[in-house]
Amino acid sequence: MENKKSARKPDTGDVGRDLSEQIKAATKDNHVRAENTQLMLSYQKGQITLPQYKVLLCSLYEIYKVLEEELDRNSTHPAVAPIYFPQELARVESLESDLEVFLGSDWRKRVIVPAATHRYQQRLRQIGEENPALLVAHAYTRYLGDLSGGQVLGKITQKSLGLSGKEGLSFFSFPGVNSPNRFKQLYRSRMNSIELKEEERREVLEEAVSAFELNIQVFDDLQKMLSVTMATADQSKSSFPAAVLPSPQISQFTMRLCVALATVVTATSTLLLVQYNKYD
C-alpha cells in the first residue's frame, strides 16, 4: 500500500544543508501534534497503564521487526550504510524480552496490533524494495527518538507500573551506546554525509513527515483500541455473571472484539500520530 504524501512540501526554513537539521525543521509541526496525543500525554503525566504499555510494545515490535529486516537487507546501500548501527541500536531482541515478561512465553501468539501498525509495516517493506534511501527517514525518526527519550520514558514507565527492577524495560535501554549525546552526534554526522540529489533529498524530507504521521496513526489507533476494550469489558461484566463467563474468557472475548472494531475504525477514519522523539 502506498503511503500518502504530505499535501505541502516540508518547510525546512533556513537551516543549511545538513539533512538532520532539515528533517528536524520539516517535522516540527508534526512533533508538536505528536506530543499532544492521548498516549503521549499519559506518559508526560506519568500515568501510563499496563494495558497501554502492553499494546505499545506489541506495535513497536512489529514496526521494528520490519524496519530492521529492511535495514539488514539494504545495509550496503549507499544511503543506508552510513547510518547502519545494528549492534548499537537494534531493538527487536529487547522488545522480545519485554513481551515475554508481560505476555508470557507464548507471547508471539498473543501479539495484537491495529490496522495502522500493518500500514506502517507495508510502507517500510515498500520503500525497502523500491527506494531504500527513504529508510534513512524512518531510522532517524525512530532510533534517535527512542534513544533520546529512552531513559526518561523508562523511568516513567517503571514508576507508573510500580516495577521494582528493570525487567520488562529493555526497550528503553541501549547497552551498546555509552554516551547517547555523543552517539547522536555521530549518527547525525553520518547521516549528513549521505550524498543525495535534490530530488532525493526532498523525498527523504517528505518521508520523514510521513514517518511521523504513520507513528501518530499507530499510537492513536492503540488508544482507540484500548478504549473499546475497556468499554466492552465493562459491558461484559454487567452482562455475564462470573460463574457463567470467567474473567479469562471475558479478557479473550473483549480483546478479539477490540481488534475487530479497531480495524473498522482505522479503515474509515484518519488518525493522529505519537512520537516521543526529542532530537536535542
C-alpha atoms as a PDB file:
ATOM      1  CA  MET A   1       0.000   0.000   0.000  1.00  0.00           C
ATOM      2  CA  GLU A   2       1.425   3.362  -0.979  1.00  0.00           C
ATOM      3  CA  ASN A   3       1.676   5.865   1.817  1.00  0.00           C
ATOM      4  CA  LYS A   4       0.055   9.232   1.175  1.00  0.00           C
ATOM      5  CA  LYS A   5       2.493  12.100   0.973  1.00  0.00           C
ATOM      6  CA  SER A   6       2.012  15.397   2.764  1.00  0.00           C
ATOM      7  CA  ALA A   7      -0.055  17.843   0.737  1.00  0.00           C
ATOM      8  CA  ARG A   8       2.567  20.570   1.100  1.00  0.00           C
ATOM      9  CA  LYS A   9       6.305  20.473   0.785  1.00  0.00           C
ATOM     10  CA  PRO A  10       8.180  20.181   4.086  1.00  0.00           C
ATOM     11  CA  ASP A  11       9.189  23.594   5.398  1.00  0.00           C
ATOM     12  CA  THR A  12      12.868  23.389   6.243  1.00  0.00           C
ATOM     13  CA  GLY A  13      13.362  27.130   6.712  1.00  0.00           C
ATOM     14  CA  ASP A  14      16.901  28.485   6.750  1.00  0.00           C
ATOM     15  CA  VAL A  15      18.703  25.555   8.358  1.00  0.00           C
ATOM     16  CA  GLY A  16      21.558  24.985   5.932  1.00  0.00           C
ATOM     17  CA  ARG A  17      22.336  21.756   4.102  1.00  0.00           C
ATOM     18  CA  ASP A  18      22.576  19.293   6.994  1.00  0.00           C
ATOM     19  CA  LEU A  19      19.990  16.594   6.386  1.00  0.00           C
ATOM     20  CA  SER A  20      19.419  16.054  10.110  1.00  0.00           C
ATOM     21  CA  GLU A  21      18.589  19.732  10.661  1.00  0.00           C
ATOM     22  CA  GLN A  22      16.364  19.784   7.602  1.00  0.00           C
ATOM     23  CA  ILE A  23      14.401  16.781   8.891  1.00  0.00           C
ATOM     24  CA  LYS A  24      14.049  18.415  12.295  1.00  0.00           C
ATOM     25  CA  ALA A  25      12.687  21.593  10.680  1.00  0.00           C
ATOM     26  CA  ALA A  26      10.423  19.706   8.279  1.00  0.00           C
ATOM     27  CA  THR A  27       8.792  17.683  11.074  1.00  0.00           C
ATOM     28  CA  LYS A  28       8.491  20.473  13.645  1.00  0.00           C
ATOM     29  CA  ASP A  29       4.694  20.784  13.386  1.00  0.00           C
ATOM     30  CA  ASN A  30       4.242  17.011  13.377  1.00  0.00           C
ATOM     31  CA  HIS A  31       6.349  16.785  16.513  1.00  0.00           C
ATOM     32  CA  VAL A  32       4.049  19.204  18.338  1.00  0.00           C
ATOM     33  CA  ARG A  33       0.987  17.231  17.260  1.00  0.00           C
ATOM     34  CA  ALA A  34       2.632  14.037  18.383  1.00  0.00           C
ATOM     35  CA  GLU A  35       3.309  15.333  21.874  1.00  0.00           C
ATOM     36  CA  ASN A  36      -0.366  16.198  22.297  1.00  0.00           C
ATOM     37  CA  THR A  37      -1.835  12.816  21.500  1.00  0.00           C
ATOM     38  CA  GLN A  38      -3.558  10.996  24.333  1.00  0.00           C
ATOM     39  CA  LEU A  39      -0.960   8.255  24.735  1.00  0.00           C
ATOM     40  CA  MET A  40       1.931  10.707  24.943  1.00  0.00           C
ATOM     41  CA  LEU A  41       0.032  12.959  27.313  1.00  0.00           C
ATOM     42  CA  SER A  42      -0.404   9.937  29.583  1.00  0.00           C
ATOM     43  CA  TYR A  43       3.362   9.484  29.526  1.00  0.00           C
ATOM     44  CA  GLN A  44       4.023  13.156  30.224  1.00  0.00           C
ATOM     45  CA  LYS A  45       1.673  12.990  33.225  1.00  0.00           C
ATOM     46  CA  GLY A  46       3.298   9.799  34.459  1.00  0.00           C
ATOM     47  CA  GLN A  47       0.022   7.922  34.074  1.00  0.00           C
ATOM     48  CA  ILE A  48       0.928   5.172  31.611  1.00  0.00           C
ATOM     49  CA  THR A  49      -1.045   1.999  32.371  1.00  0.00           C
ATOM     50  CA  LEU A  50      -0.089  -1.643  31.957  1.00  0.00           C
ATOM     51  CA  PRO A  51      -2.619  -2.210  29.118  1.00  0.00           C
ATOM     52  CA  GLN A  52      -1.212   0.853  27.326  1.00  0.00           C
ATOM     53  CA  TYR A  53       2.340  -0.386  27.709  1.00  0.00           C
ATOM     54  CA  LYS A  54       1.499  -3.897  26.520  1.00  0.00           C
ATOM     55  CA  VAL A  55      -0.177  -2.787  23.297  1.00  0.00           C
ATOM     56  CA  LEU A  56       2.592  -0.245  22.749  1.00  0.00           C
ATOM     57  CA  LEU A  57       5.229  -2.977  22.979  1.00  0.00           C
ATOM     58  CA  CYS A  58       3.296  -5.142  20.528  1.00  0.00           C
ATOM     59  CA  SER A  59       3.165  -2.440  17.861  1.00  0.00           C
ATOM     60  CA  LEU A  60       6.746  -1.336  18.418  1.00  0.00           C
ATOM     61  CA  TYR A  61       7.860  -4.926  17.981  1.00  0.00           C
ATOM     62  CA  GLU A  62       6.016  -5.339  14.690  1.00  0.00           C
ATOM     63  CA  ILE A  63       7.342  -1.997  13.383  1.00  0.00           C
ATOM     64  CA  TYR A  64      10.947  -2.560  14.412  1.00  0.00           C
ATOM     65  CA  LYS A  65      10.919  -6.139  13.132  1.00  0.00           C
ATOM     66  CA  VAL A  66      10.218  -4.918   9.597  1.00  0.00           C
ATOM     67  CA  LEU A  67      12.412  -1.814   9.858  1.00  0.00           C
ATOM     68  CA  GLU A  68      15.423  -3.857  10.953  1.00  0.00           C
ATOM     69  CA  GLU A  69      14.785  -6.548   8.373  1.00  0.00           C
ATOM     70  CA  GLU A  70      14.823  -3.896   5.645  1.00  0.00           C
ATOM     71  CA  LEU A  71      17.897  -2.155   7.080  1.00  0.00           C
ATOM     72  CA  ASP A  72      19.722  -5.507   7.229  1.00  0.00           C
ATOM     73  CA  ARG A  73      18.723  -6.341   3.667  1.00  0.00           C
ATOM     74  CA  ASN A  74      19.844  -2.936   2.390  1.00  0.00           C
ATOM     75  CA  SER A  75      22.858  -2.499   4.680  1.00  0.00           C
ATOM     76  CA  THR A  76      25.263  -1.976   1.755  1.00  0.00           C
ATOM     77  CA  HIS A  77      23.095   0.602   0.008  1.00  0.00           C
ATOM     78  CA  PRO A  78      24.992   3.944  -0.271  1.00  0.00           C
ATOM     79  CA  ALA A  79      22.318   5.800   1.702  1.00  0.00           C
ATOM     80  CA  VAL A  80      21.809   3.119   4.360  1.00  0.00           C
ATOM     81  CA  ALA A  81      25.383   2.009   5.068  1.00  0.00           C
ATOM     82  CA  PRO A  82      26.458   5.240   6.855  1.00  0.00           C
ATOM     83  CA  ILE A  83      23.598   5.007   9.385  1.00  0.00           C
ATOM     84  CA  TYR A  84      23.596   1.231   9.839  1.00  0.00           C
ATOM     85  CA  PHE A  85      24.366   0.539  13.526  1.00  0.00           C
ATOM     86  CA  PRO A  86      22.739  -2.806  14.392  1.00  0.00           C
ATOM     87  CA  GLN A  87      24.904  -3.526  17.457  1.00  0.00           C
ATOM     88  CA  GLU A  88      24.214  -0.128  18.983  1.00  0.00           C
ATOM     89  CA  LEU A  89      20.573   0.445  18.025  1.00  0.00           C
ATOM     90  CA  ALA A  90      18.732  -2.807  17.219  1.00  0.00           C
ATOM     91  CA  ARG A  91      15.502  -3.042  19.240  1.00  0.00           C
ATOM     92  CA  VAL A  92      13.883  -6.327  18.241  1.00  0.00           C
ATOM     93  CA  GLU A  93      15.607  -8.546  20.825  1.00  0.00           C
ATOM     94  CA  SER A  94      14.878  -6.039  23.595  1.00  0.00           C
ATOM     95  CA  LEU A  95      11.214  -5.917  22.625  1.00  0.00           C
ATOM     96  CA  GLU A  96      11.027  -9.707  22.504  1.00  0.00           C
ATOM     97  CA  SER A  97      12.403  -9.833  26.045  1.00  0.00           C
ATOM     98  CA  ASP A  98       9.878  -7.290  27.312  1.00  0.00           C
ATOM     99  CA  LEU A  99       6.960  -9.016  25.597  1.00  0.00           C
ATOM    100  CA  GLU A 100       7.898 -12.310  27.241  1.00  0.00           C
ATOM    101  CA  VAL A 101       7.858 -10.599  30.633  1.00  0.00           C
ATOM    102  CA  PHE A 102       4.370  -9.163  30.208  1.00  0.00           C
ATOM    103  CA  LEU A 103       2.664 -11.672  27.885  1.00  0.00           C
ATOM    104  CA  GLY A 104       4.402 -14.918  28.848  1.00  0.00           C
ATOM    105  CA  SER A 105       6.464 -17.481  26.965  1.00  0.00           C
ATOM    106  CA  ASP A 106       3.775 -17.812  24.280  1.00  0.00           C
ATOM    107  CA  TRP A 107       3.773 -14.060  23.639  1.00  0.00           C
ATOM    108  CA  ARG A 108       4.076 -14.480  19.859  1.00  0.00           C
ATOM    109  CA  LYS A 109       0.569 -15.944  19.793  1.00  0.00           C
ATOM    110  CA  ARG A 110      -0.775 -13.056  21.858  1.00  0.00           C
ATOM    111  CA  VAL A 111       0.593 -10.076  19.956  1.00  0.00           C
ATOM    112  CA  ILE A 112      -2.288  -7.890  18.774  1.00  0.00           C
ATOM    113  CA  VAL A 113      -1.816  -4.757  16.675  1.00  0.00           C
ATOM    114  CA  PRO A 114      -4.229  -2.373  14.941  1.00  0.00           C
ATOM    115  CA  ALA A 115      -4.520  -1.758  11.208  1.00  0.00           C
ATOM    116  CA  ALA A 116      -2.331   1.351  11.431  1.00  0.00           C
ATOM    117  CA  THR A 117       0.609  -0.807  12.505  1.00  0.00           C
ATOM    118  CA  HIS A 118       0.163  -3.031   9.477  1.00  0.00           C
ATOM    119  CA  ARG A 119       0.080   0.044   7.236  1.00  0.00           C
ATOM    120  CA  TYR A 120       3.373   1.177   8.758  1.00  0.00           C
ATOM    121  CA  GLN A 121       4.895  -2.254   8.082  1.00  0.00           C
ATOM    122  CA  GLN A 122       3.676  -2.207   4.489  1.00  0.00           C
ATOM    123  CA  ARG A 123       5.238   1.191   3.902  1.00  0.00           C
ATOM    124  CA  LEU A 124       8.591   0.058   5.288  1.00  0.00           C
ATOM    125  CA  ARG A 125       8.607  -3.027   3.088  1.00  0.00           C
ATOM    126  CA  GLN A 126       7.628  -0.978   0.050  1.00  0.00           C
ATOM    127  CA  ILE A 127      10.431   1.548   0.362  1.00  0.00           C
ATOM    128  CA  GLY A 128      12.898  -1.187   1.333  1.00  0.00           C
ATOM    129  CA  GLU A 129      12.223  -2.798  -2.019  1.00  0.00           C
ATOM    130  CA  GLU A 130      11.697   0.276  -4.188  1.00  0.00           C
ATOM    131  CA  ASN A 131      13.691   3.145  -2.663  1.00  0.00           C
ATOM    132  CA  PRO A 132      15.951   2.137   0.274  1.00  0.00           C
ATOM    133  CA  ALA A 133      17.245   5.702   0.715  1.00  0.00           C
ATOM    134  CA  LEU A 134      13.898   6.561   2.313  1.00  0.00           C
ATOM    135  CA  LEU A 135      14.673   4.145   5.158  1.00  0.00           C
ATOM    136  CA  VAL A 136      17.003   6.873   6.436  1.00  0.00           C
ATOM    137  CA  ALA A 137      13.992   8.984   7.415  1.00  0.00           C
ATOM    138  CA  HIS A 138      12.365   6.164   9.389  1.00  0.00           C
ATOM    139  CA  ALA A 139      15.568   5.022  11.068  1.00  0.00           C
ATOM    140  CA  TYR A 140      16.390   8.573  12.170  1.00  0.00           C
ATOM    141  CA  THR A 141      12.865   9.297  13.405  1.00  0.00           C
ATOM    142  CA  ARG A 142      12.532   6.082  15.387  1.00  0.00           C
ATOM    143  CA  TYR A 143      16.022   5.320  16.664  1.00  0.00           C
ATOM    144  CA  LEU A 144      17.090   8.796  17.694  1.00  0.00           C
ATOM    145  CA  GLY A 145      13.687   9.435  19.194  1.00  0.00           C
ATOM    146  CA  ASP A 146      13.849   6.294  21.296  1.00  0.00           C
ATOM    147  CA  LEU A 147      17.475   6.881  22.202  1.00  0.00           C
ATOM    148  CA  SER A 148      16.754  10.465  23.270  1.00  0.00           C
ATOM    149  CA  GLY A 149      13.652   9.728  25.302  1.00  0.00           C
ATOM    150  CA  GLY A 150      14.503   6.219  26.418  1.00  0.00           C
ATOM    151  CA  GLN A 151      15.989   6.948  29.820  1.00  0.00           C
ATOM    152  CA  VAL A 152      13.236   9.353  30.876  1.00  0.00           C
ATOM    153  CA  LEU A 153      10.386   7.263  29.491  1.00  0.00           C
ATOM    154  CA  GLY A 154      11.857   4.144  31.044  1.00  0.00           C
ATOM    155  CA  LYS A 155      11.781   5.759  34.498  1.00  0.00           C
ATOM    156  CA  ILE A 156       8.225   6.997  33.956  1.00  0.00           C
ATOM    157  CA  THR A 157       7.112   3.526  32.899  1.00  0.00           C
ATOM    158  CA  GLN A 158       8.847   1.882  35.862  1.00  0.00           C
ATOM    159  CA  LYS A 159       7.215   4.265  38.322  1.00  0.00           C
ATOM    160  CA  SER A 160       3.779   4.220  36.697  1.00  0.00           C
ATOM    161  CA  LEU A 161       3.626   0.420  36.607  1.00  0.00           C
ATOM    162  CA  GLY A 162       5.173   0.004  40.046  1.00  0.00           C
ATOM    163  CA  LEU A 163       8.038  -2.126  38.766  1.00  0.00           C
ATOM    164  CA  SER A 164      10.767  -2.807  41.317  1.00  0.00           C
ATOM    165  CA  GLY A 165      13.505  -3.555  38.781  1.00  0.00           C
ATOM    166  CA  LYS A 166      14.403  -3.143  35.139  1.00  0.00           C
ATOM    167  CA  GLU A 167      12.707  -6.343  33.978  1.00  0.00           C
ATOM    168  CA  GLY A 168      10.263  -5.531  31.207  1.00  0.00           C
ATOM    169  CA  LEU A 169      12.001  -2.241  30.383  1.00  0.00           C
ATOM    170  CA  SER A 170      14.700  -3.477  27.994  1.00  0.00           C
ATOM    171  CA  PHE A 171      13.309  -1.426  25.130  1.00  0.00           C
ATOM    172  CA  PHE A 172      14.429   1.784  26.802  1.00  0.00           C
ATOM    173  CA  SER A 173      17.988   0.552  27.351  1.00  0.00           C
ATOM    174  CA  PHE A 174      20.789   0.862  24.776  1.00  0.00           C
ATOM    175  CA  PRO A 175      23.708  -1.105  26.268  1.00  0.00           C
ATOM    176  CA  GLY A 176      25.752  -0.642  23.100  1.00  0.00           C
ATOM    177  CA  VAL A 177      25.680   3.143  23.454  1.00  0.00           C
ATOM    178  CA  ASN A 178      27.953   4.520  26.176  1.00  0.00           C
ATOM    179  CA  SER A 179      27.031   8.169  25.650  1.00  0.00           C
ATOM    180  CA  PRO A 180      23.684   8.911  23.966  1.00  0.00           C
ATOM    181  CA  ASN A 181      24.656  12.501  23.213  1.00  0.00           C
ATOM    182  CA  ARG A 182      27.959  11.587  21.569  1.00  0.00           C
ATOM    183  CA  PHE A 183      26.342   8.777  19.638  1.00  0.00           C
ATOM    184  CA  LYS A 184      23.592  11.075  18.356  1.00  0.00           C
ATOM    185  CA  GLN A 185      26.274  13.480  17.158  1.00  0.00           C
ATOM    186  CA  LEU A 186      27.994  10.614  15.331  1.00  0.00           C
ATOM    187  CA  TYR A 187      24.705   9.433  13.837  1.00  0.00           C
ATOM    188  CA  ARG A 188      23.789  12.910  12.585  1.00  0.00           C
ATOM    189  CA  SER A 189      27.263  13.355  11.148  1.00  0.00           C
ATOM    190  CA  ARG A 190      27.000  10.048   9.276  1.00  0.00           C
ATOM    191  CA  MET A 191      23.548  10.931   8.014  1.00  0.00           C
ATOM    192  CA  ASN A 192      24.668  14.388   6.878  1.00  0.00           C
ATOM    193  CA  SER A 193      27.446  12.740   4.856  1.00  0.00           C
ATOM    194  CA  ILE A 194      24.979  10.826   2.678  1.00  0.00           C
ATOM    195  CA  GLU A 195      25.142  12.087  -0.887  1.00  0.00           C
ATOM    196  CA  LEU A 196      21.689  12.876  -2.226  1.00  0.00           C
ATOM    197  CA  LYS A 197      20.461  14.675  -5.289  1.00  0.00           C
ATOM    198  CA  GLU A 198      17.977  17.498  -4.720  1.00  0.00           C
ATOM    199  CA  GLU A 199      15.017  15.322  -5.663  1.00  0.00           C
ATOM    200  CA  GLU A 200      16.236  12.517  -3.417  1.00  0.00           C
ATOM    201  CA  ARG A 201      16.703  14.922  -0.514  1.00  0.00           C
ATOM    202  CA  ARG A 202      13.190  16.261  -0.983  1.00  0.00           C
ATOM    203  CA  GLU A 203      11.827  12.719  -0.971  1.00  0.00           C
ATOM    204  CA  VAL A 204      13.650  11.883   2.282  1.00  0.00           C
ATOM    205  CA  LEU A 205      12.216  15.005   3.937  1.00  0.00           C
ATOM    206  CA  GLU A 206       8.715  14.106   2.786  1.00  0.00           C
ATOM    207  CA  GLU A 207       9.216  10.573   4.053  1.00  0.00           C
ATOM    208  CA  ALA A 208      10.249  11.920   7.469  1.00  0.00           C
ATOM    209  CA  VAL A 209       6.928  13.762   7.665  1.00  0.00           C
ATOM    210  CA  SER A 210       5.164  10.549   6.603  1.00  0.00           C
ATOM    211  CA  ALA A 211       7.066   8.621   9.286  1.00  0.00           C
ATOM    212  CA  PHE A 212       5.680  10.928  11.948  1.00  0.00           C
ATOM    213  CA  GLU A 213       2.171  10.585  10.543  1.00  0.00           C
ATOM    214  CA  LEU A 214       2.418   6.807  10.479  1.00  0.00           C
ATOM    215  CA  ASN A 215       3.515   6.794  14.100  1.00  0.00           C
ATOM    216  CA  ILE A 216       0.710   9.182  15.085  1.00  0.00           C
ATOM    217  CA  GLN A 217      -1.815   6.875  13.449  1.00  0.00           C
ATOM    218  CA  VAL A 218      -0.376   3.854  15.244  1.00  0.00           C
ATOM    219  CA  PHE A 219      -0.408   5.359  18.716  1.00  0.00           C
ATOM    220  CA  ASP A 220      -3.824   6.969  18.400  1.00  0.00           C
ATOM    221  CA  ASP A 221      -5.123   3.698  16.990  1.00  0.00           C
ATOM    222  CA  LEU A 222      -3.783   1.908  20.044  1.00  0.00           C
ATOM    223  CA  GLN A 223      -5.583   4.325  22.332  1.00  0.00           C
ATOM    224  CA  LYS A 224      -8.839   3.772  20.447  1.00  0.00           C
ATOM    225  CA  MET A 225      -8.327   0.033  20.705  1.00  0.00           C
ATOM    226  CA  LEU A 226      -7.840   0.297  24.462  1.00  0.00           C
ATOM    227  CA  SER A 227     -10.918   2.485  24.834  1.00  0.00           C
ATOM    228  CA  VAL A 228     -13.020  -0.112  23.028  1.00  0.00           C
ATOM    229  CA  THR A 229     -11.539  -2.860  25.192  1.00  0.00           C
ATOM    230  CA  MET A 230     -12.362  -1.053  28.424  1.00  0.00           C
ATOM    231  CA  ALA A 231     -15.895  -0.226  27.333  1.00  0.00           C
ATOM    232  CA  THR A 232     -16.519  -3.788  26.195  1.00  0.00           C
ATOM    233  CA  ALA A 233     -15.093  -5.218  29.416  1.00  0.00           C
ATOM    234  CA  ASP A 234     -17.415  -3.042  31.485  1.00  0.00           C
ATOM    235  CA  GLN A 235     -20.365  -4.174  29.399  1.00  0.00           C
ATOM    236  CA  SER A 236     -19.297  -7.814  29.670  1.00  0.00           C
ATOM    237  CA  LYS A 237     -19.093  -7.611  33.457  1.00  0.00           C
ATOM    238  CA  SER A 238     -22.639  -6.303  33.671  1.00  0.00           C
ATOM    239  CA  SER A 239     -23.986  -8.789  31.111  1.00  0.00           C
ATOM    240  CA  PHE A 240     -22.312 -12.041  32.143  1.00  0.00           C
ATOM    241  CA  PRO A 241     -22.201 -13.386  35.719  1.00  0.00           C
ATOM    242  CA  ALA A 242     -18.741 -14.509  36.744  1.00  0.00           C
ATOM    243  CA  ALA A 243     -19.979 -18.082  37.150  1.00  0.00           C
ATOM    244  CA  VAL A 244     -21.143 -18.161  33.532  1.00  0.00           C
ATOM    245  CA  LEU A 245     -18.173 -16.447  31.869  1.00  0.00           C
ATOM    246  CA  PRO A 246     -14.911 -16.485  33.876  1.00  0.00           C
ATOM    247  CA  SER A 247     -12.639 -13.458  33.671  1.00  0.00           C
ATOM    248  CA  PRO A 248     -10.025 -15.075  31.368  1.00  0.00           C
ATOM    249  CA  GLN A 249     -12.770 -15.750  28.832  1.00  0.00           C
ATOM    250  CA  ILE A 250     -14.021 -12.195  29.165  1.00  0.00           C
ATOM    251  CA  SER A 251     -10.498 -10.943  28.514  1.00  0.00           C
ATOM    252  CA  GLN A 252     -10.124 -13.015  25.345  1.00  0.00           C
ATOM    253  CA  PHE A 253     -13.584 -12.019  24.144  1.00  0.00           C
ATOM    254  CA  THR A 254     -13.016  -8.307  24.649  1.00  0.00           C
ATOM    255  CA  MET A 255      -9.562  -8.333  23.051  1.00  0.00           C
ATOM    256  CA  ARG A 256     -10.865 -10.080  19.946  1.00  0.00           C
ATOM    257  CA  LEU A 257     -13.809  -7.719  19.700  1.00  0.00           C
ATOM    258  CA  CYS A 258     -11.446  -4.804  20.259  1.00  0.00           C
ATOM    259  CA  VAL A 259      -9.248  -5.781  17.319  1.00  0.00           C
ATOM    260  CA  ALA A 260     -12.242  -6.169  15.022  1.00  0.00           C
ATOM    261  CA  LEU A 261     -13.680  -2.789  15.988  1.00  0.00           C
ATOM    262  CA  ALA A 262     -10.311  -1.036  15.837  1.00  0.00           C
ATOM    263  CA  THR A 263      -9.723  -2.371  12.339  1.00  0.00           C
ATOM    264  CA  VAL A 264     -13.068  -0.993  11.192  1.00  0.00           C
ATOM    265  CA  VAL A 265     -12.352   2.376  12.774  1.00  0.00           C
ATOM    266  CA  THR A 266      -8.918   2.713  11.197  1.00  0.00           C
ATOM    267  CA  ALA A 267     -10.218   1.687   7.788  1.00  0.00           C
ATOM    268  CA  THR A 268     -12.691   4.573   7.758  1.00  0.00           C
ATOM    269  CA  SER A 269     -11.025   7.430   9.579  1.00  0.00           C
ATOM    270  CA  THR A 270      -7.759   9.359   9.679  1.00  0.00           C
ATOM    271  CA  LEU A 271      -5.921   9.178  12.968  1.00  0.00           C
ATOM    272  CA  LEU A 272      -3.249  11.325  14.596  1.00  0.00           C
ATOM    273  CA  LEU A 273       0.466  10.214  15.460  1.00  0.00           C
ATOM    274  CA  VAL A 274       2.520   9.871  18.533  1.00  0.00           C
ATOM    275  CA  GLN A 275       6.228  10.170  18.537  1.00  0.00           C
ATOM    276  CA  TYR A 276       8.099  10.854  21.696  1.00  0.00           C
ATOM    277  CA  ASN A 277      11.325  11.640  19.897  1.00  0.00           C
ATOM    278  CA  LYS A 278      13.468  14.503  21.155  1.00  0.00           C
ATOM    279  CA  TYR A 279      16.258  15.492  18.824  1.00  0.00           C
ATOM    280  CA  ASP A 280      18.085  17.833  21.215  1.00  0.00           C
END
